Amino acid sequence: SSKQYEGSSDKKVHGWNGPPPTYNETTKSRKILKKADKDISHKPKKSIIDNKKVIDKIVNTKIPANFKRQNLILGNFQIYGAAVKKTKVFGKEVEEIEWEPVNSIPEGPIILNDRTIRLYVDVSSSNIEGIEILQKLEMPETEEKVEEKKAKILTEKVIPGKRKMYLEQLDESIEELNKVSI
């Protein structure tokens, strides 16, 4: 059955036996090629910043004592806000902070009173990776003020049985202040 196809063919193949084609100044395709070359512009590649990586870098940086992280502005100038998510695990409430894009931003200039800005720069490309906005917090009571309160309670004319209760309440409030993480 293979002999049946050897000599006959439904399609004719045409071969080119001449020299390869040459281009001259009047060849249309050459002009099209030149025009196409002019239209191509060599643009530098935009650096792609991994937002999650930059957020992790910013969030893992320690914040000054009397500040709280309020917003992050990343290299693509997308503003992120802290979304506090609360869940109960075995009856105990757990808070988790996730940084999500902010969808609505107020119009006009935004004045940043009582805030500090911290920039994160990629030194290899000299690009700003992110901008962190820190909000100033009220200063917690210093140990000196706590000692003053204790001394005042001890020197005041407090009912003897209640003095111990006041001191315990003061110690509890100090413990609560120490538990708060900024």
N, C-alpha and C. Protein backbone atom coordinates (compact mmCIF):
# COMPACT_ATOMS: atom_id res chain seq x y z
N SER A 1 0.81 -1.20 0.00
CA SER A 1 0.00 0.00 0.00
C SER A 1 0.85 1.26 0.00
N SER A 2 2.09 1.20 0.51
CA SER A 2 2.96 2.37 0.49
C SER A 2 3.44 2.66 -0.92
N LYS A 3 3.50 1.65 -1.81
CA LYS A 3 3.91 1.85 -3.20
C LYS A 3 2.87 2.66 -3.95
N GLN A 4 1.67 2.60 -3.50
CA GLN A 4 0.56 3.29 -4.15
C GLN A 4 0.77 4.81 -4.09
N TYR A 5 1.39 5.36 -3.01
CA TYR A 5 1.55 6.80 -2.83
C TYR A 5 2.88 7.32 -3.35
N GLU A 6 3.83 6.47 -3.67
CA GLU A 6 5.17 6.91 -4.04
C GLU A 6 5.20 7.77 -5.30
N GLY A 7 4.60 7.40 -6.32
CA GLY A 7 4.69 8.12 -7.58
C GLY A 7 3.67 9.20 -7.74
N SER A 8 2.58 9.15 -7.06
CA SER A 8 1.51 10.12 -7.28
C SER A 8 1.38 11.06 -6.09
N SER A 9 0.98 12.28 -6.37
CA SER A 9 0.78 13.26 -5.31
C SER A 9 -0.40 14.15 -5.67
N ASP A 10 -1.22 14.42 -4.69
CA ASP A 10 -2.35 15.31 -4.92
C ASP A 10 -1.89 16.76 -5.01
N LYS A 11 -0.78 17.10 -4.37
CA LYS A 11 -0.29 18.47 -4.33
C LYS A 11 1.02 18.55 -5.08
N LYS A 12 1.19 19.66 -5.78
CA LYS A 12 2.45 19.88 -6.48
C LYS A 12 3.30 20.82 -5.65
N VAL A 13 4.54 20.50 -5.47
CA VAL A 13 5.46 21.34 -4.72
C VAL A 13 6.31 22.10 -5.72
N HIS A 14 6.33 23.44 -5.56
CA HIS A 14 7.14 24.26 -6.45
C HIS A 14 8.41 24.64 -5.72
N GLY A 15 9.51 24.44 -6.31
CA GLY A 15 10.79 24.78 -5.71
C GLY A 15 11.31 26.07 -6.29
N TRP A 16 12.15 26.74 -5.58
CA TRP A 16 12.79 27.97 -6.04
C TRP A 16 14.22 27.63 -6.35
N ASN A 17 14.56 27.79 -7.60
CA ASN A 17 15.91 27.44 -8.01
C ASN A 17 16.77 28.66 -8.26
N GLY A 18 16.21 29.86 -8.12
CA GLY A 18 16.94 31.09 -8.41
C GLY A 18 17.73 31.58 -7.21
N PRO A 19 18.39 32.75 -7.37
CA PRO A 19 19.18 33.33 -6.29
C PRO A 19 18.25 33.87 -5.18
N PRO A 20 18.78 34.06 -3.98
CA PRO A 20 17.94 34.61 -2.91
C PRO A 20 17.48 36.03 -3.25
N PRO A 21 16.32 36.43 -2.75
CA PRO A 21 15.82 37.77 -3.09
C PRO A 21 16.73 38.85 -2.50
N THR A 22 16.82 39.97 -3.19
CA THR A 22 17.63 41.10 -2.72
C THR A 22 16.73 42.32 -2.56
N TYR A 23 17.14 43.20 -1.67
CA TYR A 23 16.38 44.42 -1.44
C TYR A 23 17.10 45.58 -2.10
N ASN A 24 16.31 46.45 -2.70
CA ASN A 24 16.88 47.69 -3.21
C ASN A 24 16.06 48.84 -2.64
N GLU A 25 16.42 50.05 -2.93
CA GLU A 25 15.76 51.21 -2.34
C GLU A 25 14.29 51.31 -2.70
N THR A 26 13.85 50.69 -3.75
CA THR A 26 12.45 50.79 -4.16
C THR A 26 11.59 49.66 -3.61
N THR A 27 12.20 48.75 -2.89
CA THR A 27 11.44 47.62 -2.34
C THR A 27 10.54 48.13 -1.22
N LYS A 28 9.25 47.83 -1.34
CA LYS A 28 8.26 48.33 -0.39
C LYS A 28 8.49 47.77 1.02
N SER A 29 8.78 46.50 1.14
CA SER A 29 8.91 45.89 2.45
C SER A 29 10.07 46.50 3.24
N ARG A 30 11.11 46.94 2.57
CA ARG A 30 12.26 47.57 3.23
C ARG A 30 11.83 48.88 3.90
N LYS A 31 11.01 49.66 3.19
CA LYS A 31 10.54 50.93 3.73
C LYS A 31 9.64 50.69 4.95
N ILE A 32 8.81 49.68 4.88
CA ILE A 32 7.94 49.36 6.01
C ILE A 32 8.78 48.97 7.21
N LEU A 33 9.84 48.21 6.98
CA LEU A 33 10.72 47.79 8.05
C LEU A 33 11.39 48.99 8.71
N LYS A 34 11.86 49.94 7.87
CA LYS A 34 12.51 51.13 8.42
C LYS A 34 11.53 51.94 9.26
N LYS A 35 10.28 52.09 8.79
CA LYS A 35 9.28 52.85 9.53
C LYS A 35 8.96 52.17 10.86
N ALA A 36 8.86 50.85 10.84
CA ALA A 36 8.57 50.11 12.06
C ALA A 36 9.68 50.30 13.09
N ASP A 37 10.93 50.34 12.63
CA ASP A 37 12.05 50.56 13.54
C ASP A 37 11.97 51.93 14.22
N LYS A 38 11.49 52.95 13.48
CA LYS A 38 11.39 54.29 14.04
C LYS A 38 10.33 54.36 15.13
N ASP A 39 9.25 53.58 14.99
CA ASP A 39 8.14 53.63 15.94
C ASP A 39 8.47 52.95 17.27
N ILE A 40 9.45 52.08 17.26
CA ILE A 40 9.80 51.36 18.49
C ILE A 40 10.64 52.27 19.37
N SER A 41 10.17 52.50 20.59
CA SER A 41 10.96 53.30 21.52
C SER A 41 11.42 52.40 22.66
N HIS A 42 12.62 52.63 23.07
CA HIS A 42 13.18 51.81 24.14
C HIS A 42 12.90 52.48 25.47
N LYS A 43 11.90 51.97 26.20
CA LYS A 43 11.52 52.53 27.49
C LYS A 43 12.16 51.69 28.59
N PRO A 44 12.66 52.36 29.63
CA PRO A 44 13.22 51.58 30.74
C PRO A 44 12.11 50.81 31.45
N LYS A 45 12.46 49.62 31.91
CA LYS A 45 11.47 48.80 32.61
C LYS A 45 11.14 49.43 33.95
N LYS A 46 9.86 49.41 34.29
CA LYS A 46 9.44 49.89 35.60
C LYS A 46 9.84 48.85 36.64
N SER A 47 10.32 49.34 37.79
CA SER A 47 10.64 48.38 38.84
C SER A 47 9.34 47.93 39.48
N ILE A 48 9.20 46.65 39.65
CA ILE A 48 8.00 46.09 40.26
C ILE A 48 8.31 45.85 41.73
N ILE A 49 7.53 46.49 42.58
CA ILE A 49 7.74 46.36 44.02
C ILE A 49 6.71 45.39 44.57
N ASP A 50 7.19 44.43 45.33
CA ASP A 50 6.31 43.45 45.97
C ASP A 50 5.73 44.11 47.23
N ASN A 51 4.45 44.52 47.15
CA ASN A 51 3.82 45.25 48.25
C ASN A 51 3.87 44.49 49.56
N LYS A 52 3.59 43.21 49.53
CA LYS A 52 3.57 42.40 50.76
C LYS A 52 4.95 42.44 51.43
N LYS A 53 6.00 42.33 50.62
CA LYS A 53 7.37 42.33 51.12
C LYS A 53 7.70 43.68 51.78
N VAL A 54 7.27 44.77 51.13
CA VAL A 54 7.53 46.10 51.66
C VAL A 54 6.73 46.34 52.94
N ILE A 55 5.47 45.88 52.97
CA ILE A 55 4.65 46.02 54.18
C ILE A 55 5.31 45.27 55.34
N ASP A 56 5.76 44.05 55.08
CA ASP A 56 6.44 43.28 56.13
C ASP A 56 7.68 44.02 56.64
N LYS A 57 8.44 44.60 55.71
CA LYS A 57 9.65 45.34 56.07
C LYS A 57 9.31 46.52 56.98
N ILE A 58 8.25 47.25 56.63
CA ILE A 58 7.85 48.42 57.41
C ILE A 58 7.29 48.02 58.77
N VAL A 59 6.39 47.03 58.77
CA VAL A 59 5.73 46.61 60.01
C VAL A 59 6.73 46.01 60.99
N ASN A 60 7.79 45.39 60.50
CA ASN A 60 8.80 44.79 61.37
C ASN A 60 9.83 45.79 61.89
N THR A 61 9.71 47.06 61.50
CA THR A 61 10.59 48.10 61.99
C THR A 61 10.00 48.69 63.27
N LYS A 62 10.84 48.81 64.29
CA LYS A 62 10.38 49.31 65.59
C LYS A 62 9.90 50.76 65.48
N ILE A 63 8.84 51.08 66.22
CA ILE A 63 8.25 52.42 66.23
C ILE A 63 8.75 53.15 67.47
N PRO A 64 9.03 54.46 67.36
CA PRO A 64 9.42 55.22 68.55
C PRO A 64 8.36 55.12 69.65
N ALA A 65 8.78 55.27 70.90
CA ALA A 65 7.94 55.01 72.07
C ALA A 65 6.60 55.75 72.07
N ASN A 66 6.58 57.00 71.67
CA ASN A 66 5.34 57.75 71.79
C ASN A 66 4.61 57.90 70.45
N PHE A 67 4.75 56.92 69.56
CA PHE A 67 4.08 56.94 68.27
C PHE A 67 3.33 55.65 68.01
N LYS A 68 2.37 55.72 67.09
CA LYS A 68 1.58 54.57 66.66
C LYS A 68 1.57 54.59 65.13
N ARG A 69 1.74 53.45 64.50
CA ARG A 69 1.71 53.38 63.04
C ARG A 69 0.28 53.63 62.57
N GLN A 70 0.09 54.61 61.70
CA GLN A 70 -1.24 54.95 61.24
C GLN A 70 -1.48 54.49 59.80
N ASN A 71 -0.60 54.82 58.89
CA ASN A 71 -0.78 54.47 57.48
C ASN A 71 0.54 54.11 56.86
N LEU A 72 0.46 53.45 55.72
CA LEU A 72 1.64 53.14 54.91
C LEU A 72 1.33 53.62 53.49
N ILE A 73 2.28 54.26 52.85
CA ILE A 73 2.11 54.63 51.45
C ILE A 73 3.24 53.92 50.72
N LEU A 74 2.88 53.03 49.81
CA LEU A 74 3.89 52.22 49.13
C LEU A 74 4.33 52.87 47.83
N GLY A 75 5.37 52.30 47.22
CA GLY A 75 5.98 52.83 46.02
C GLY A 75 5.02 53.12 44.88
N ASN A 76 3.91 52.41 44.82
CA ASN A 76 2.94 52.69 43.76
C ASN A 76 1.95 53.75 44.22
N PHE A 77 2.23 54.37 45.35
CA PHE A 77 1.43 55.43 45.94
C PHE A 77 0.01 54.99 46.26
N GLN A 78 -0.14 53.77 46.65
CA GLN A 78 -1.41 53.24 47.16
C GLN A 78 -1.34 53.37 48.67
N ILE A 79 -2.33 54.02 49.28
CA ILE A 79 -2.32 54.18 50.74
C ILE A 79 -2.99 52.97 51.38
N TYR A 80 -2.37 52.48 52.44
CA TYR A 80 -2.87 51.32 53.17
C TYR A 80 -3.24 51.75 54.59
N GLY A 81 -4.28 51.14 55.13
CA GLY A 81 -4.69 51.41 56.50
C GLY A 81 -4.76 50.12 57.28
N ALA A 82 -4.64 50.24 58.59
CA ALA A 82 -4.69 49.06 59.46
C ALA A 82 -6.14 48.62 59.62
N ALA A 83 -6.41 47.36 59.31
CA ALA A 83 -7.73 46.77 59.51
C ALA A 83 -7.61 45.80 60.68
N VAL A 84 -8.28 46.15 61.77
CA VAL A 84 -8.21 45.31 62.97
C VAL A 84 -9.30 44.25 62.86
N LYS A 85 -8.89 43.01 62.89
CA LYS A 85 -9.83 41.89 62.80
C LYS A 85 -9.82 41.15 64.12
N LYS A 86 -11.01 41.00 64.70
CA LYS A 86 -11.13 40.33 66.00
C LYS A 86 -11.79 38.97 65.81
N THR A 87 -11.19 37.96 66.43
CA THR A 87 -11.77 36.62 66.41
C THR A 87 -11.68 36.04 67.81
N LYS A 88 -12.51 35.07 68.06
CA LYS A 88 -12.46 34.39 69.36
C LYS A 88 -11.82 33.03 69.16
N VAL A 89 -10.79 32.76 69.95
CA VAL A 89 -10.10 31.48 69.94
C VAL A 89 -10.24 30.89 71.33
N PHE A 90 -10.97 29.80 71.43
CA PHE A 90 -11.23 29.13 72.70
C PHE A 90 -11.77 30.11 73.75
N GLY A 91 -12.68 30.97 73.31
CA GLY A 91 -13.33 31.91 74.22
C GLY A 91 -12.53 33.17 74.51
N LYS A 92 -11.31 33.27 73.99
CA LYS A 92 -10.48 34.44 74.21
C LYS A 92 -10.46 35.28 72.93
N GLU A 93 -10.71 36.58 73.06
CA GLU A 93 -10.72 37.46 71.89
C GLU A 93 -9.29 37.77 71.46
N VAL A 94 -9.02 37.57 70.17
CA VAL A 94 -7.69 37.81 69.61
C VAL A 94 -7.82 38.87 68.52
N GLU A 95 -6.94 39.88 68.57
CA GLU A 95 -6.92 40.92 67.55
C GLU A 95 -5.78 40.67 66.58
N GLU A 96 -6.07 40.88 65.31
CA GLU A 96 -5.05 40.72 64.28
C GLU A 96 -5.11 41.95 63.39
N ILE A 97 -3.97 42.52 63.07
CA ILE A 97 -3.93 43.70 62.21
C ILE A 97 -3.46 43.29 60.82
N GLU A 98 -4.27 43.63 59.82
CA GLU A 98 -3.91 43.40 58.42
C GLU A 98 -3.90 44.75 57.72
N TRP A 99 -2.94 44.96 56.85
CA TRP A 99 -2.84 46.22 56.12
C TRP A 99 -3.53 46.06 54.78
N GLU A 100 -4.59 46.87 54.57
CA GLU A 100 -5.40 46.77 53.36
C GLU A 100 -5.44 48.13 52.65
N PRO A 101 -5.59 48.11 51.31
CA PRO A 101 -5.69 49.38 50.58
C PRO A 101 -6.89 50.20 51.05
N VAL A 102 -6.69 51.51 51.16
CA VAL A 102 -7.78 52.42 51.53
C VAL A 102 -8.48 52.84 50.25
N ASN A 103 -9.80 52.67 50.21
CA ASN A 103 -10.56 52.95 48.99
C ASN A 103 -10.99 54.40 48.86
N SER A 104 -11.27 55.07 49.96
CA SER A 104 -11.72 56.46 49.86
C SER A 104 -10.78 57.36 50.64
N ILE A 105 -10.24 58.34 49.93
CA ILE A 105 -9.30 59.28 50.53
C ILE A 105 -9.92 60.67 50.43
N PRO A 106 -9.84 61.48 51.49
CA PRO A 106 -10.44 62.82 51.42
C PRO A 106 -9.80 63.67 50.33
N GLU A 107 -10.60 64.56 49.75
CA GLU A 107 -10.11 65.45 48.70
C GLU A 107 -9.27 66.56 49.30
N GLY A 108 -8.39 67.09 48.50
CA GLY A 108 -7.59 68.23 48.93
C GLY A 108 -6.38 67.83 49.73
N PRO A 109 -5.60 68.83 50.13
CA PRO A 109 -4.39 68.53 50.90
C PRO A 109 -4.74 68.00 52.29
N ILE A 110 -3.90 67.12 52.76
CA ILE A 110 -4.10 66.53 54.09
C ILE A 110 -2.97 67.03 54.98
N ILE A 111 -3.33 67.71 56.05
CA ILE A 111 -2.33 68.23 56.98
C ILE A 111 -2.07 67.16 58.03
N LEU A 112 -0.81 66.87 58.25
CA LEU A 112 -0.42 65.81 59.18
C LEU A 112 0.08 66.41 60.49
N ASN A 113 -0.85 66.85 61.33
CA ASN A 113 -0.48 67.35 62.66
C ASN A 113 -0.18 66.18 63.58
N ASP A 114 0.78 66.34 64.46
CA ASP A 114 1.16 65.31 65.43
C ASP A 114 1.50 63.98 64.77
N ARG A 115 2.12 64.04 63.62
CA ARG A 115 2.52 62.82 62.92
C ARG A 115 3.95 62.98 62.42
N THR A 116 4.60 61.86 62.26
CA THR A 116 5.96 61.82 61.73
C THR A 116 5.97 60.89 60.53
N ILE A 117 6.75 61.23 59.54
CA ILE A 117 6.84 60.41 58.33
C ILE A 117 8.21 59.73 58.31
N ARG A 118 8.19 58.44 57.97
CA ARG A 118 9.44 57.68 57.85
C ARG A 118 9.48 57.10 56.44
N LEU A 119 10.58 57.32 55.73
CA LEU A 119 10.73 56.84 54.35
C LEU A 119 11.55 55.56 54.33
N TYR A 120 11.16 54.65 53.44
CA TYR A 120 11.91 53.41 53.20
C TYR A 120 12.44 53.47 51.78
N VAL A 121 13.77 53.43 51.64
CA VAL A 121 14.41 53.63 50.34
C VAL A 121 15.17 52.39 49.94
N ASP A 122 15.03 52.01 48.66
CA ASP A 122 15.83 50.93 48.08
C ASP A 122 17.10 51.59 47.56
N VAL A 123 18.21 51.42 48.29
CA VAL A 123 19.45 52.12 47.94
C VAL A 123 20.03 51.67 46.60
N SER A 124 19.75 50.43 46.20
CA SER A 124 20.31 49.95 44.94
C SER A 124 19.69 50.66 43.74
N SER A 125 18.41 51.04 43.83
CA SER A 125 17.75 51.73 42.71
C SER A 125 17.44 53.19 43.03
N SER A 126 17.74 53.63 44.24
CA SER A 126 17.44 54.99 44.70
C SER A 126 15.96 55.33 44.59
N ASN A 127 15.10 54.34 44.74
CA ASN A 127 13.65 54.55 44.69
C ASN A 127 13.08 54.48 46.09
N ILE A 128 12.02 55.26 46.32
CA ILE A 128 11.31 55.16 47.59
C ILE A 128 10.39 53.96 47.50
N GLU A 129 10.58 53.00 48.42
CA GLU A 129 9.73 51.80 48.45
C GLU A 129 8.44 52.07 49.19
N GLY A 130 8.52 52.85 50.25
CA GLY A 130 7.33 53.10 51.04
C GLY A 130 7.51 54.30 51.95
N ILE A 131 6.37 54.85 52.35
CA ILE A 131 6.33 55.96 53.29
C ILE A 131 5.44 55.53 54.44
N GLU A 132 5.95 55.65 55.64
CA GLU A 132 5.19 55.26 56.82
C GLU A 132 4.78 56.53 57.57
N ILE A 133 3.51 56.60 57.97
CA ILE A 133 3.01 57.74 58.72
C ILE A 133 2.77 57.27 60.15
N LEU A 134 3.47 57.89 61.09
CA LEU A 134 3.36 57.52 62.50
C LEU A 134 2.58 58.59 63.24
N GLN A 135 1.59 58.17 64.00
CA GLN A 135 0.76 59.09 64.78
C GLN A 135 1.29 59.17 66.20
N LYS A 136 1.43 60.38 66.70
CA LYS A 136 1.95 60.59 68.06
C LYS A 136 0.88 60.20 69.08
N LEU A 137 1.28 59.45 70.08
CA LEU A 137 0.37 59.02 71.14
C LEU A 137 0.63 59.84 72.39
N GLU A 138 -0.36 59.83 73.29
CA GLU A 138 -0.14 60.47 74.58
C GLU A 138 0.86 59.62 75.35
N MET A 139 1.74 60.31 76.06
CA MET A 139 2.78 59.60 76.81
C MET A 139 2.16 58.84 77.98
N PRO A 140 2.55 57.57 78.17
CA PRO A 140 2.06 56.84 79.34
C PRO A 140 2.71 57.42 80.60
N GLU A 141 2.08 57.14 81.71
CA GLU A 141 2.60 57.66 82.98
C GLU A 141 4.01 57.13 83.22
N THR A 142 4.86 58.03 83.66
CA THR A 142 6.22 57.60 83.97
C THR A 142 6.25 56.98 85.35
N GLU A 143 7.31 56.27 85.62
CA GLU A 143 7.45 55.62 86.92
C GLU A 143 7.48 56.65 88.05
N GLU A 144 8.04 57.84 87.76
CA GLU A 144 8.09 58.90 88.78
C GLU A 144 6.68 59.30 89.20
N LYS A 145 5.80 59.49 88.22
CA LYS A 145 4.42 59.88 88.52
C LYS A 145 3.71 58.78 89.31
N VAL A 146 3.99 57.53 88.97
CA VAL A 146 3.38 56.40 89.68
C VAL A 146 3.83 56.41 91.13
N GLU A 147 5.14 56.64 91.35
CA GLU A 147 5.67 56.68 92.72
C GLU A 147 5.05 57.85 93.50
N GLU A 148 4.85 58.99 92.79
CA GLU A 148 4.20 60.14 93.44
C GLU A 148 2.80 59.78 93.89
N LYS A 149 2.05 59.08 93.04
CA LYS A 149 0.68 58.67 93.39
C LYS A 149 0.69 57.73 94.59
N LYS A 150 1.65 56.79 94.59
CA LYS A 150 1.75 55.85 95.71
C LYS A 150 2.02 56.60 97.01
N ALA A 151 2.97 57.56 96.96
CA ALA A 151 3.32 58.34 98.14
C ALA A 151 2.13 59.16 98.62
N LYS A 152 1.39 59.72 97.67
CA LYS A 152 0.21 60.52 98.02
C LYS A 152 -0.83 59.66 98.73
N ILE A 153 -1.06 58.45 98.21
CA ILE A 153 -2.04 57.54 98.82
C ILE A 153 -1.59 57.17 100.23
N LEU A 154 -0.29 56.93 100.39
CA LEU A 154 0.22 56.53 101.71
C LEU A 154 0.15 57.67 102.72
N THR A 155 0.35 58.93 102.25
CA THR A 155 0.35 60.06 103.18
C THR A 155 -1.04 60.62 103.43
N GLU A 156 -1.96 60.38 102.50
CA GLU A 156 -3.31 60.90 102.69
C GLU A 156 -4.00 60.19 103.84
N LYS A 157 -4.99 60.87 104.33
CA LYS A 157 -5.78 60.26 105.41
C LYS A 157 -6.81 59.34 104.75
N VAL A 158 -6.36 58.14 104.47
CA VAL A 158 -7.23 57.14 103.84
C VAL A 158 -7.61 56.15 104.91
N ILE A 159 -8.81 55.66 104.83
CA ILE A 159 -9.26 54.65 105.79
C ILE A 159 -8.25 53.51 105.74
N PRO A 160 -7.67 53.13 106.85
CA PRO A 160 -6.61 52.12 106.87
C PRO A 160 -6.94 50.85 106.07
N GLY A 161 -8.13 50.37 106.13
CA GLY A 161 -8.48 49.15 105.39
C GLY A 161 -8.53 49.36 103.88
N LYS A 162 -8.75 50.59 103.45
CA LYS A 162 -8.88 50.90 102.01
C LYS A 162 -7.53 51.21 101.35
N ARG A 163 -6.53 51.60 102.15
CA ARG A 163 -5.22 51.99 101.60
C ARG A 163 -4.63 50.86 100.75
N LYS A 164 -4.71 49.64 101.25
CA LYS A 164 -4.18 48.48 100.53
C LYS A 164 -4.91 48.31 99.20
N MET A 165 -6.24 48.51 99.21
CA MET A 165 -7.04 48.37 97.99
C MET A 165 -6.60 49.41 96.94
N TYR A 166 -6.38 50.67 97.36
CA TYR A 166 -5.94 51.71 96.43
C TYR A 166 -4.59 51.36 95.80
N LEU A 167 -3.67 50.89 96.61
CA LEU A 167 -2.34 50.52 96.10
C LEU A 167 -2.43 49.36 95.12
N GLU A 168 -3.29 48.38 95.41
CA GLU A 168 -3.46 47.24 94.49
C GLU A 168 -4.04 47.70 93.16
N GLN A 169 -5.02 48.62 93.21
CA GLN A 169 -5.61 49.15 91.98
C GLN A 169 -4.56 49.90 91.16
N LEU A 170 -3.71 50.65 91.83
CA LEU A 170 -2.65 51.38 91.16
C LEU A 170 -1.67 50.41 90.49
N ASP A 171 -1.30 49.35 91.21
CA ASP A 171 -0.40 48.34 90.64
C ASP A 171 -1.03 47.65 89.43
N GLU A 172 -2.35 47.38 89.48
CA GLU A 172 -3.05 46.76 88.35
C GLU A 172 -3.03 47.68 87.14
N SER A 173 -3.25 48.98 87.36
CA SER A 173 -3.24 49.91 86.22
C SER A 173 -1.84 50.01 85.62
N ILE A 174 -0.80 49.89 86.44
CA ILE A 174 0.57 49.89 85.93
C ILE A 174 0.81 48.65 85.07
N GLU A 175 0.33 47.51 85.54
CA GLU A 175 0.47 46.27 84.77
C GLU A 175 -0.23 46.38 83.43
N GLU A 176 -1.42 46.99 83.40
CA GLU A 176 -2.17 47.18 82.15
C GLU A 176 -1.38 48.06 81.19
N LEU A 177 -0.76 49.13 81.72
CA LEU A 177 0.04 50.00 80.87
C LEU A 177 1.22 49.25 80.27
N ASN A 178 1.84 48.38 81.04
CA ASN A 178 2.98 47.61 80.56
C ASN A 178 2.58 46.58 79.51
N LYS A 179 1.34 46.08 79.57
CA LYS A 179 0.86 45.08 78.61
C LYS A 179 0.58 45.69 77.24
N VAL A 180 0.22 46.97 77.21
CA VAL A 180 -0.14 47.63 75.96
C VAL A 180 1.10 47.71 75.09
N SER A 181 0.98 47.14 73.90
CA SER A 181 2.11 47.23 72.96
C SER A 181 1.79 48.25 71.90
N ILE A 182 2.73 49.08 71.63
CA ILE A 182 2.52 50.16 70.66
C ILE A 182 2.95 49.69 69.30
